[in-house]
């Protein structure tokens, strides 16, 4: 039976999460929908440390939460929050999405503002 797109994405995401769990490091998990971008910093045990999204936090700053500019703002904001908590390095969990477009913009912005991955 053929996998649909979402099942294939989830399978790819599981492979990445398995490897990150082996390394026992903090990860920056990304989720994207058609309308919004979401990012979370999750510790090695799986507990959420902090998060940032285009929905309530950046609603006034962005007109459209589903574009590259909004993704870059989420990346900048998550990096600032993580650095404030003393988190310097993370593993990037792209959630099975291609490293392209909004996912890439979020990652690049997080790197520019001090996160290492």
C-alpha atoms as a PDB file:
ATOM      1  CA  UNK A   1       0.000   0.000   0.000  1.00  0.00           C
ATOM      2  CA  UNK A   2       1.304   3.426  -0.935  1.00  0.00           C
ATOM      3  CA  UNK A   3       2.015   5.996   1.775  1.00  0.00           C
ATOM      4  CA  UNK A   4       0.291   9.329   1.556  1.00  0.00           C
ATOM      5  CA  UNK A   5       2.350  12.515   1.853  1.00  0.00           C
ATOM      6  CA  UNK A   6       1.679  13.030   5.549  1.00  0.00           C
ATOM      7  CA  UNK A   7       2.546   9.437   6.497  1.00  0.00           C
ATOM      8  CA  UNK A   8       5.811   9.707   4.565  1.00  0.00           C
ATOM      9  CA  UNK A   9       6.641  12.973   6.328  1.00  0.00           C
ATOM     10  CA  UNK A  10       5.920  11.460   9.736  1.00  0.00           C
ATOM     11  CA  UNK A  11       8.128   8.449   8.906  1.00  0.00           C
ATOM     12  CA  UNK A  12      11.005  10.768   7.976  1.00  0.00           C
ATOM     13  CA  UNK A  13      10.427  12.772  11.170  1.00  0.00           C
ATOM     14  CA  UNK A  14      10.617   9.625  13.303  1.00  0.00           C
ATOM     15  CA  UNK A  15      13.994   8.709  11.810  1.00  0.00           C
ATOM     16  CA  UNK A  16      15.368  12.133  12.705  1.00  0.00           C
ATOM     17  CA  UNK A  17      13.919  12.047  16.229  1.00  0.00           C
ATOM     18  CA  UNK A  18      15.391   8.580  16.834  1.00  0.00           C
ATOM     19  CA  UNK A  19      18.856   9.857  15.956  1.00  0.00           C
ATOM     20  CA  UNK A  20      18.471  13.001  18.085  1.00  0.00           C
ATOM     21  CA  UNK A  21      17.237  10.865  21.021  1.00  0.00           C
ATOM     22  CA  UNK A  22      20.385   8.715  20.698  1.00  0.00           C
ATOM     23  CA  UNK A  23      22.541  11.832  20.961  1.00  0.00           C
ATOM     24  CA  UNK A  24      20.595  13.068  24.029  1.00  0.00           C
ATOM     25  CA  UNK A  25      20.665  16.728  23.015  1.00  0.00           C
ATOM     26  CA  UNK A  26      18.208  19.614  23.069  1.00  0.00           C
ATOM     27  CA  UNK A  27      16.279  19.894  19.797  1.00  0.00           C
ATOM     28  CA  UNK A  28      14.592  22.685  17.887  1.00  0.00           C
ATOM     29  CA  UNK A  29      11.418  21.148  16.448  1.00  0.00           C
ATOM     30  CA  UNK A  30       9.620  22.878  13.582  1.00  0.00           C
ATOM     31  CA  UNK A  31       6.042  22.448  12.394  1.00  0.00           C
ATOM     32  CA  UNK A  32       4.464  24.278   9.511  1.00  0.00           C
ATOM     33  CA  UNK A  33       0.886  24.531   8.378  1.00  0.00           C
ATOM     34  CA  UNK A  34      -0.514  26.442   5.444  1.00  0.00           C
ATOM     35  CA  UNK A  35      -1.234  29.447   7.629  1.00  0.00           C
ATOM     36  CA  UNK A  36       1.357  29.414  10.420  1.00  0.00           C
ATOM     37  CA  UNK A  37       4.823  28.379  11.616  1.00  0.00           C
ATOM     38  CA  UNK A  38       5.573  26.794  14.972  1.00  0.00           C
ATOM     39  CA  UNK A  39       8.911  26.146  16.707  1.00  0.00           C
ATOM     40  CA  UNK A  40       9.654  24.451  20.033  1.00  0.00           C
ATOM     41  CA  UNK A  41      12.827  23.815  21.974  1.00  0.00           C
ATOM     42  CA  UNK A  42      12.553  20.376  23.574  1.00  0.00           C
ATOM     43  CA  UNK A  43      15.041  18.881  26.038  1.00  0.00           C
ATOM     44  CA  UNK A  44      16.540  15.388  25.806  1.00  0.00           C
ATOM     45  CA  UNK A  45      13.816  13.862  28.011  1.00  0.00           C
ATOM     46  CA  UNK A  46      11.067  15.199  25.718  1.00  0.00           C
ATOM     47  CA  UNK A  47       9.859  18.056  27.909  1.00  0.00           C
ATOM     48  CA  UNK A  48       9.043  21.319  26.132  1.00  0.00           C
ATOM     49  CA  UNK A  49      11.322  24.128  27.312  1.00  0.00           C
ATOM     50  CA  UNK A  50       9.956  26.999  25.227  1.00  0.00           C
ATOM     51  CA  UNK A  51       8.028  27.706  22.054  1.00  0.00           C
ATOM     52  CA  UNK A  52       7.253  30.397  19.520  1.00  0.00           C
ATOM     53  CA  UNK A  53       4.575  30.631  16.862  1.00  0.00           C
ATOM     54  CA  UNK A  54       3.100  33.088  14.399  1.00  0.00           C
ATOM     55  CA  UNK A  55      -0.338  32.686  15.931  1.00  0.00           C
ATOM     56  CA  UNK A  56      -0.700  34.667  19.167  1.00  0.00           C
ATOM     57  CA  UNK A  57       2.847  35.988  19.642  1.00  0.00           C
ATOM     58  CA  UNK A  58       3.595  37.516  16.269  1.00  0.00           C
ATOM     59  CA  UNK A  59       0.066  38.122  14.992  1.00  0.00           C
ATOM     60  CA  UNK A  60       0.431  41.906  15.016  1.00  0.00           C
ATOM     61  CA  UNK A  61       3.927  41.853  13.501  1.00  0.00           C
ATOM     62  CA  UNK A  62       3.050  39.713  10.467  1.00  0.00           C
ATOM     63  CA  UNK A  63       0.143  39.961   8.081  1.00  0.00           C
ATOM     64  CA  UNK A  64       0.449  36.411   6.794  1.00  0.00           C
ATOM     65  CA  UNK A  65       1.796  33.792   9.209  1.00  0.00           C
ATOM     66  CA  UNK A  66       2.478  31.308   6.430  1.00  0.00           C
ATOM     67  CA  UNK A  67       5.222  33.090   4.532  1.00  0.00           C
ATOM     68  CA  UNK A  68       9.026  33.222   4.612  1.00  0.00           C
ATOM     69  CA  UNK A  69       9.170  36.555   6.440  1.00  0.00           C
ATOM     70  CA  UNK A  70       6.987  35.191   9.244  1.00  0.00           C
ATOM     71  CA  UNK A  71       9.119  32.047   9.475  1.00  0.00           C
ATOM     72  CA  UNK A  72      12.248  34.195   9.811  1.00  0.00           C
ATOM     73  CA  UNK A  73      10.617  36.151  12.635  1.00  0.00           C
ATOM     74  CA  UNK A  74       9.801  32.897  14.455  1.00  0.00           C
ATOM     75  CA  UNK A  75      13.424  31.765  14.027  1.00  0.00           C
ATOM     76  CA  UNK A  76      14.735  35.048  15.402  1.00  0.00           C
ATOM     77  CA  UNK A  77      12.345  34.993  18.357  1.00  0.00           C
ATOM     78  CA  UNK A  78      13.022  31.348  19.308  1.00  0.00           C
ATOM     79  CA  UNK A  79      16.793  31.982  19.184  1.00  0.00           C
ATOM     80  CA  UNK A  80      16.471  35.029  21.437  1.00  0.00           C
ATOM     81  CA  UNK A  81      14.338  33.109  23.946  1.00  0.00           C
ATOM     82  CA  UNK A  82      16.718  30.121  23.940  1.00  0.00           C
ATOM     83  CA  UNK A  83      19.794  32.302  24.456  1.00  0.00           C
ATOM     84  CA  UNK A  84      18.035  34.053  27.345  1.00  0.00           C
ATOM     85  CA  UNK A  85      17.687  30.628  29.002  1.00  0.00           C
ATOM     86  CA  UNK A  86      21.334  29.799  28.325  1.00  0.00           C
ATOM     87  CA  UNK A  87      20.740  27.367  25.456  1.00  0.00           C
ATOM     88  CA  UNK A  88      23.507  27.802  22.878  1.00  0.00           C
ATOM     89  CA  UNK A  89      23.365  24.609  20.788  1.00  0.00           C
ATOM     90  CA  UNK A  90      20.436  22.515  19.552  1.00  0.00           C
ATOM     91  CA  UNK A  91      19.767  19.750  17.062  1.00  0.00           C
ATOM     92  CA  UNK A  92      17.476  20.897  14.241  1.00  0.00           C
ATOM     93  CA  UNK A  93      14.378  18.708  13.867  1.00  0.00           C
ATOM     94  CA  UNK A  94      12.689  19.783  10.651  1.00  0.00           C
ATOM     95  CA  UNK A  95       9.768  17.427  11.274  1.00  0.00           C
ATOM     96  CA  UNK A  96      10.182  15.534   8.013  1.00  0.00           C
ATOM     97  CA  UNK A  97       9.746  18.676   5.927  1.00  0.00           C
ATOM     98  CA  UNK A  98      12.195  19.524   3.156  1.00  0.00           C
ATOM     99  CA  UNK A  99      14.926  21.946   4.185  1.00  0.00           C
ATOM    100  CA  UNK A 100      13.562  24.564   1.821  1.00  0.00           C
ATOM    101  CA  UNK A 101      11.470  27.725   1.882  1.00  0.00           C
ATOM    102  CA  UNK A 102       9.929  28.515   5.259  1.00  0.00           C
ATOM    103  CA  UNK A 103      11.807  25.779   7.142  1.00  0.00           C
ATOM    104  CA  UNK A 104      15.124  27.038   5.766  1.00  0.00           C
ATOM    105  CA  UNK A 105      14.212  30.667   6.558  1.00  0.00           C
ATOM    106  CA  UNK A 106      13.430  29.757  10.177  1.00  0.00           C
ATOM    107  CA  UNK A 107      16.705  27.831  10.535  1.00  0.00           C
ATOM    108  CA  UNK A 108      18.803  30.587   8.952  1.00  0.00           C
ATOM    109  CA  UNK A 109      17.254  33.253  11.199  1.00  0.00           C
ATOM    110  CA  UNK A 110      17.855  31.122  14.311  1.00  0.00           C
ATOM    111  CA  UNK A 111      21.517  30.676  13.299  1.00  0.00           C
ATOM    112  CA  UNK A 112      21.942  34.392  12.642  1.00  0.00           C
ATOM    113  CA  UNK A 113      20.694  35.177  16.139  1.00  0.00           C
ATOM    114  CA  UNK A 114      23.056  32.840  17.967  1.00  0.00           C
ATOM    115  CA  UNK A 115      21.785  29.260  17.976  1.00  0.00           C
ATOM    116  CA  UNK A 116      24.282  26.656  16.829  1.00  0.00           C
ATOM    117  CA  UNK A 117      23.187  23.567  14.892  1.00  0.00           C
END
